[in-house]
Amino acid sequence: MMGEDHRNDGFLDMGKADKSVWLMKCPVAVAKSWKNQAASSSDSLPVAKVVFSLDPLKPDEPQFTMEMVGSETERIPKSYTLNMFKDFVPMCVFSETGQAVAMEGKVEHKFDMKPHEENIEEYGRLCRERTNKSMIKNRQIQVIDNDRGVHMRPMPGLVGLISSNPRIRRKQCQLNNQT
């Protein structure tokens, strides 16, 4: 049929459906750093190292930390704590490349990434810088040659706008008084 999407003929590649994947929410600065590293390097070098710690007295409470690596991490904190969530809605990860749609796996572990306490001041500074940059308005003044103000006037026929023409304004006032 015309207009229908025929990508992959409606099939979903389920080859990796049983694969276990981790889902991690990370700060914007970390995501940008990873993206920059991926774009600048053709090698698939590691961007971070995850450390798993287990206290024998608390085997049900594993600790996860992440250490950033690479040259792109100079301005962001290098050490993070990964807080694991045990209760979350079951989720799956999907990918779409060209004509193929595939299920990449089931989310087995969900994490929230936050800087270690010793890096919290540095991270706070980074967040303030980002906020200050977003508040800077890049306004421009542009001179328009031979403009007679046509673009500044309301279009005819728009309801609720008052015309600058005194005759039309009088007609609008008379119409409003009659209703």
C-alpha atoms as a PDB file:
ATOM      1  CA  MET A   1       0.000   0.000   0.000  1.00  0.00           C
ATOM      2  CA  MET A   2       1.077   3.562  -0.611  1.00  0.00           C
ATOM      3  CA  GLY A   3       2.404   5.593   2.337  1.00  0.00           C
ATOM      4  CA  GLU A   4       3.029   2.636   4.618  1.00  0.00           C
ATOM      5  CA  ASP A   5       6.375   2.037   6.229  1.00  0.00           C
ATOM      6  CA  HIS A   6       7.877  -1.215   4.912  1.00  0.00           C
ATOM      7  CA  ARG A   7      10.980  -1.244   7.111  1.00  0.00           C
ATOM      8  CA  ASN A   8      11.985  -4.797   7.799  1.00  0.00           C
ATOM      9  CA  ASP A   9       8.519  -5.934   6.629  1.00  0.00           C
ATOM     10  CA  GLY A  10       7.188  -5.703  10.205  1.00  0.00           C
ATOM     11  CA  PHE A  11       9.683  -8.241  11.604  1.00  0.00           C
ATOM     12  CA  LEU A  12      11.633  -7.740  14.780  1.00  0.00           C
ATOM     13  CA  ASP A  13      15.016  -9.439  15.169  1.00  0.00           C
ATOM     14  CA  MET A  14      14.778 -11.340  18.471  1.00  0.00           C
ATOM     15  CA  GLY A  15      18.219 -13.005  18.282  1.00  0.00           C
ATOM     16  CA  LYS A  16      19.450 -11.198  21.418  1.00  0.00           C
ATOM     17  CA  ALA A  17      16.150 -11.157  23.320  1.00  0.00           C
ATOM     18  CA  ASP A  18      17.522 -13.202  26.242  1.00  0.00           C
ATOM     19  CA  LYS A  19      20.691 -11.138  26.581  1.00  0.00           C
ATOM     20  CA  SER A  20      21.051  -9.338  29.937  1.00  0.00           C
ATOM     21  CA  VAL A  21      21.713  -5.578  29.693  1.00  0.00           C
ATOM     22  CA  TRP A  22      22.266  -2.804  32.210  1.00  0.00           C
ATOM     23  CA  LEU A  23      20.458   0.523  32.045  1.00  0.00           C
ATOM     24  CA  MET A  24      22.204   3.527  33.542  1.00  0.00           C
ATOM     25  CA  LYS A  25      21.026   7.105  33.958  1.00  0.00           C
ATOM     26  CA  CYS A  26      24.075   9.349  33.718  1.00  0.00           C
ATOM     27  CA  PRO A  27      24.706  13.103  34.040  1.00  0.00           C
ATOM     28  CA  VAL A  28      24.566  15.171  30.856  1.00  0.00           C
ATOM     29  CA  ALA A  29      28.275  16.069  31.125  1.00  0.00           C
ATOM     30  CA  VAL A  30      29.244  12.380  31.168  1.00  0.00           C
ATOM     31  CA  ALA A  31      27.022  11.552  28.189  1.00  0.00           C
ATOM     32  CA  LYS A  32      28.537  14.442  26.193  1.00  0.00           C
ATOM     33  CA  SER A  33      32.052  13.326  27.116  1.00  0.00           C
ATOM     34  CA  TRP A  34      31.364   9.770  25.947  1.00  0.00           C
ATOM     35  CA  LYS A  35      29.782  11.040  22.729  1.00  0.00           C
ATOM     36  CA  ASN A  36      32.796  13.287  22.029  1.00  0.00           C
ATOM     37  CA  GLN A  37      35.192  10.404  22.674  1.00  0.00           C
ATOM     38  CA  ALA A  38      33.254   8.128  20.312  1.00  0.00           C
ATOM     39  CA  ALA A  39      33.194  10.794  17.592  1.00  0.00           C
ATOM     40  CA  SER A  40      36.887  11.702  17.883  1.00  0.00           C
ATOM     41  CA  SER A  41      38.296   8.186  18.033  1.00  0.00           C
ATOM     42  CA  SER A  42      37.959   5.413  15.491  1.00  0.00           C
ATOM     43  CA  ASP A  43      39.201   2.888  18.074  1.00  0.00           C
ATOM     44  CA  SER A  44      36.752   1.385  20.535  1.00  0.00           C
ATOM     45  CA  LEU A  45      38.752   2.349  23.621  1.00  0.00           C
ATOM     46  CA  PRO A  46      37.065   2.035  27.022  1.00  0.00           C
ATOM     47  CA  VAL A  47      35.484   5.243  28.326  1.00  0.00           C
ATOM     48  CA  ALA A  48      34.997   4.058  31.915  1.00  0.00           C
ATOM     49  CA  LYS A  49      35.755   1.229  34.295  1.00  0.00           C
ATOM     50  CA  VAL A  50      33.072  -0.283  36.563  1.00  0.00           C
ATOM     51  CA  VAL A  51      34.254  -1.636  39.913  1.00  0.00           C
ATOM     52  CA  PHE A  52      32.110  -4.210  41.702  1.00  0.00           C
ATOM     53  CA  SER A  53      32.604  -4.512  45.489  1.00  0.00           C
ATOM     54  CA  LEU A  54      30.981  -7.060  47.739  1.00  0.00           C
ATOM     55  CA  ASP A  55      31.029  -6.921  51.527  1.00  0.00           C
ATOM     56  CA  PRO A  56      30.975 -10.521  52.872  1.00  0.00           C
ATOM     57  CA  LEU A  57      28.846  -9.319  55.789  1.00  0.00           C
ATOM     58  CA  LYS A  58      26.267  -7.785  53.407  1.00  0.00           C
ATOM     59  CA  PRO A  59      26.154 -10.068  50.361  1.00  0.00           C
ATOM     60  CA  ASP A  60      22.740  -8.691  49.327  1.00  0.00           C
ATOM     61  CA  GLU A  61      24.130  -5.144  48.993  1.00  0.00           C
ATOM     62  CA  PRO A  62      26.790  -5.044  46.252  1.00  0.00           C
ATOM     63  CA  GLN A  63      28.502  -1.706  45.654  1.00  0.00           C
ATOM     64  CA  PHE A  64      29.206  -0.389  42.155  1.00  0.00           C
ATOM     65  CA  THR A  65      31.507   2.506  41.314  1.00  0.00           C
ATOM     66  CA  MET A  66      32.619   3.910  37.984  1.00  0.00           C
ATOM     67  CA  GLU A  67      35.947   5.499  37.137  1.00  0.00           C
ATOM     68  CA  MET A  68      36.108   7.644  33.998  1.00  0.00           C
ATOM     69  CA  VAL A  69      39.090   7.216  31.663  1.00  0.00           C
ATOM     70  CA  GLY A  70      40.282   9.133  28.621  1.00  0.00           C
ATOM     71  CA  SER A  71      41.345  12.672  27.818  1.00  0.00           C
ATOM     72  CA  GLU A  72      37.784  14.013  27.418  1.00  0.00           C
ATOM     73  CA  THR A  73      37.151  13.699  31.172  1.00  0.00           C
ATOM     74  CA  GLU A  74      39.405  16.599  32.239  1.00  0.00           C
ATOM     75  CA  ARG A  75      36.542  18.954  33.162  1.00  0.00           C
ATOM     76  CA  ILE A  76      34.178  16.450  34.761  1.00  0.00           C
ATOM     77  CA  PRO A  77      34.466  14.385  37.951  1.00  0.00           C
ATOM     78  CA  LYS A  78      36.219  11.069  37.398  1.00  0.00           C
ATOM     79  CA  SER A  79      34.645   8.951  40.179  1.00  0.00           C
ATOM     80  CA  TYR A  80      30.960   8.066  40.428  1.00  0.00           C
ATOM     81  CA  THR A  81      28.733   5.894  42.552  1.00  0.00           C
ATOM     82  CA  LEU A  82      26.236   3.664  40.754  1.00  0.00           C
ATOM     83  CA  ASN A  83      23.094   3.244  42.827  1.00  0.00           C
ATOM     84  CA  MET A  84      21.341   0.050  41.804  1.00  0.00           C
ATOM     85  CA  PHE A  85      17.553  -0.163  41.751  1.00  0.00           C
ATOM     86  CA  LYS A  86      16.034  -3.508  42.605  1.00  0.00           C
ATOM     87  CA  ASP A  87      12.395  -2.681  41.922  1.00  0.00           C
ATOM     88  CA  PHE A  88      11.647  -1.328  38.467  1.00  0.00           C
ATOM     89  CA  VAL A  89       9.210  -2.001  35.665  1.00  0.00           C
ATOM     90  CA  PRO A  90      10.530  -4.775  33.373  1.00  0.00           C
ATOM     91  CA  MET A  91      12.094  -3.201  30.285  1.00  0.00           C
ATOM     92  CA  CYS A  92      13.731  -4.215  27.024  1.00  0.00           C
ATOM     93  CA  VAL A  93      16.251  -2.400  24.835  1.00  0.00           C
ATOM     94  CA  PHE A  94      15.620  -1.998  21.098  1.00  0.00           C
ATOM     95  CA  SER A  95      17.789  -0.678  18.286  1.00  0.00           C
ATOM     96  CA  GLU A  96      17.077   0.522  14.786  1.00  0.00           C
ATOM     97  CA  THR A  97      19.776   0.646  12.135  1.00  0.00           C
ATOM     98  CA  GLY A  98      18.780   1.372   8.552  1.00  0.00           C
ATOM     99  CA  GLN A  99      16.112  -1.165   7.699  1.00  0.00           C
ATOM    100  CA  ALA A 100      16.583  -3.455  10.721  1.00  0.00           C
ATOM    101  CA  VAL A 101      14.781  -3.278  14.062  1.00  0.00           C
ATOM    102  CA  ALA A 102      16.159  -5.536  16.782  1.00  0.00           C
ATOM    103  CA  MET A 103      15.651  -6.336  20.436  1.00  0.00           C
ATOM    104  CA  GLU A 104      19.040  -5.972  22.136  1.00  0.00           C
ATOM    105  CA  GLY A 105      18.132  -7.566  25.457  1.00  0.00           C
ATOM    106  CA  LYS A 106      16.235  -7.381  28.734  1.00  0.00           C
ATOM    107  CA  VAL A 107      17.187  -4.847  31.404  1.00  0.00           C
ATOM    108  CA  GLU A 108      18.393  -6.835  34.402  1.00  0.00           C
ATOM    109  CA  HIS A 109      20.023  -4.005  36.357  1.00  0.00           C
ATOM    110  CA  LYS A 110      19.089  -0.329  36.483  1.00  0.00           C
ATOM    111  CA  PHE A 111      21.512   2.252  37.885  1.00  0.00           C
ATOM    112  CA  ASP A 112      21.578   5.922  38.751  1.00  0.00           C
ATOM    113  CA  MET A 113      25.013   7.515  38.378  1.00  0.00           C
ATOM    114  CA  LYS A 114      26.100  10.285  40.774  1.00  0.00           C
ATOM    115  CA  PRO A 115      29.480  11.798  41.652  1.00  0.00           C
ATOM    116  CA  HIS A 116      31.357  10.614  44.750  1.00  0.00           C
ATOM    117  CA  GLU A 117      31.117  12.936  47.756  1.00  0.00           C
ATOM    118  CA  GLU A 118      34.707  14.147  47.247  1.00  0.00           C
ATOM    119  CA  ASN A 119      33.759  15.308  43.735  1.00  0.00           C
ATOM    120  CA  ILE A 120      30.447  16.933  44.652  1.00  0.00           C
ATOM    121  CA  GLU A 121      31.863  20.488  44.793  1.00  0.00           C
ATOM    122  CA  GLU A 122      33.502  20.083  41.387  1.00  0.00           C
ATOM    123  CA  TYR A 123      30.262  18.670  39.977  1.00  0.00           C
ATOM    124  CA  GLY A 124      28.271  21.539  41.519  1.00  0.00           C
ATOM    125  CA  ARG A 125      30.617  24.035  39.820  1.00  0.00           C
ATOM    126  CA  LEU A 126      30.127  22.246  36.501  1.00  0.00           C
ATOM    127  CA  CYS A 127      26.316  22.405  36.896  1.00  0.00           C
ATOM    128  CA  ARG A 128      26.455  26.128  37.762  1.00  0.00           C
ATOM    129  CA  GLU A 129      28.588  26.811  34.675  1.00  0.00           C
ATOM    130  CA  ARG A 130      26.115  24.930  32.502  1.00  0.00           C
ATOM    131  CA  THR A 131      23.192  26.895  33.993  1.00  0.00           C
ATOM    132  CA  ASN A 132      24.978  30.222  33.520  1.00  0.00           C
ATOM    133  CA  LYS A 133      25.760  29.386  29.879  1.00  0.00           C
ATOM    134  CA  SER A 134      22.120  28.516  29.226  1.00  0.00           C
ATOM    135  CA  MET A 135      20.998  31.898  30.605  1.00  0.00           C
ATOM    136  CA  ILE A 136      23.115  33.905  28.142  1.00  0.00           C
ATOM    137  CA  LYS A 137      20.887  35.189  25.362  1.00  0.00           C
ATOM    138  CA  ASN A 138      22.449  35.471  21.928  1.00  0.00           C
ATOM    139  CA  ARG A 139      20.341  38.272  20.482  1.00  0.00           C
ATOM    140  CA  GLN A 140      21.026  39.923  17.173  1.00  0.00           C
ATOM    141  CA  ILE A 141      20.022  43.264  15.718  1.00  0.00           C
ATOM    142  CA  GLN A 142      19.410  43.174  12.010  1.00  0.00           C
ATOM    143  CA  VAL A 143      18.841  46.218   9.789  1.00  0.00           C
ATOM    144  CA  ILE A 144      16.260  45.626   7.065  1.00  0.00           C
ATOM    145  CA  ASP A 145      16.682  47.873   4.024  1.00  0.00           C
ATOM    146  CA  ASN A 146      13.666  49.376   2.220  1.00  0.00           C
ATOM    147  CA  ASP A 147      11.174  47.906   4.653  1.00  0.00           C
ATOM    148  CA  ARG A 148       7.845  49.711   4.923  1.00  0.00           C
ATOM    149  CA  GLY A 149       6.775  47.859   8.059  1.00  0.00           C
ATOM    150  CA  VAL A 150       4.758  45.228   6.164  1.00  0.00           C
ATOM    151  CA  HIS A 151       6.188  42.435   8.290  1.00  0.00           C
ATOM    152  CA  MET A 152       5.294  44.239  11.518  1.00  0.00           C
ATOM    153  CA  ARG A 153       1.590  44.628  10.723  1.00  0.00           C
ATOM    154  CA  PRO A 154      -1.001  41.973  11.546  1.00  0.00           C
ATOM    155  CA  MET A 155      -2.298  39.974   8.627  1.00  0.00           C
ATOM    156  CA  PRO A 156      -5.797  40.961   7.441  1.00  0.00           C
ATOM    157  CA  GLY A 157      -8.582  38.742   8.638  1.00  0.00           C
ATOM    158  CA  LEU A 158      -6.959  37.649  11.905  1.00  0.00           C
ATOM    159  CA  VAL A 159      -9.496  37.689  14.712  1.00  0.00           C
ATOM    160  CA  GLY A 160      -8.751  39.625  17.871  1.00  0.00           C
ATOM    161  CA  LEU A 161      -6.118  41.954  16.412  1.00  0.00           C
ATOM    162  CA  ILE A 162      -6.704  45.702  16.272  1.00  0.00           C
ATOM    163  CA  SER A 163      -5.852  47.351  12.989  1.00  0.00           C
ATOM    164  CA  SER A 164      -3.674  50.464  12.810  1.00  0.00           C
ATOM    165  CA  ASN A 165      -6.046  51.888  10.155  1.00  0.00           C
ATOM    166  CA  PRO A 166      -8.489  54.276  11.949  1.00  0.00           C
ATOM    167  CA  ARG A 167     -11.432  53.467   9.620  1.00  0.00           C
ATOM    168  CA  ILE A 168     -11.119  49.719  10.242  1.00  0.00           C
ATOM    169  CA  ARG A 169     -10.693  50.360  13.977  1.00  0.00           C
ATOM    170  CA  ARG A 170     -13.976  52.340  14.015  1.00  0.00           C
ATOM    171  CA  LYS A 171     -15.764  49.515  12.182  1.00  0.00           C
ATOM    172  CA  GLN A 172     -14.427  46.985  14.701  1.00  0.00           C
ATOM    173  CA  CYS A 173     -15.605  49.129  17.605  1.00  0.00           C
ATOM    174  CA  GLN A 174     -19.072  49.493  16.007  1.00  0.00           C
ATOM    175  CA  LEU A 175     -19.264  45.705  15.492  1.00  0.00           C
ATOM    176  CA  ASN A 176     -18.255  45.088  19.102  1.00  0.00           C
ATOM    177  CA  ASN A 177     -20.909  47.542  20.351  1.00  0.00           C
ATOM    178  CA  GLN A 178     -23.627  45.839  18.298  1.00  0.00           C
ATOM    179  CA  THR A 179     -22.956  42.357  19.744  1.00  0.00           C
END
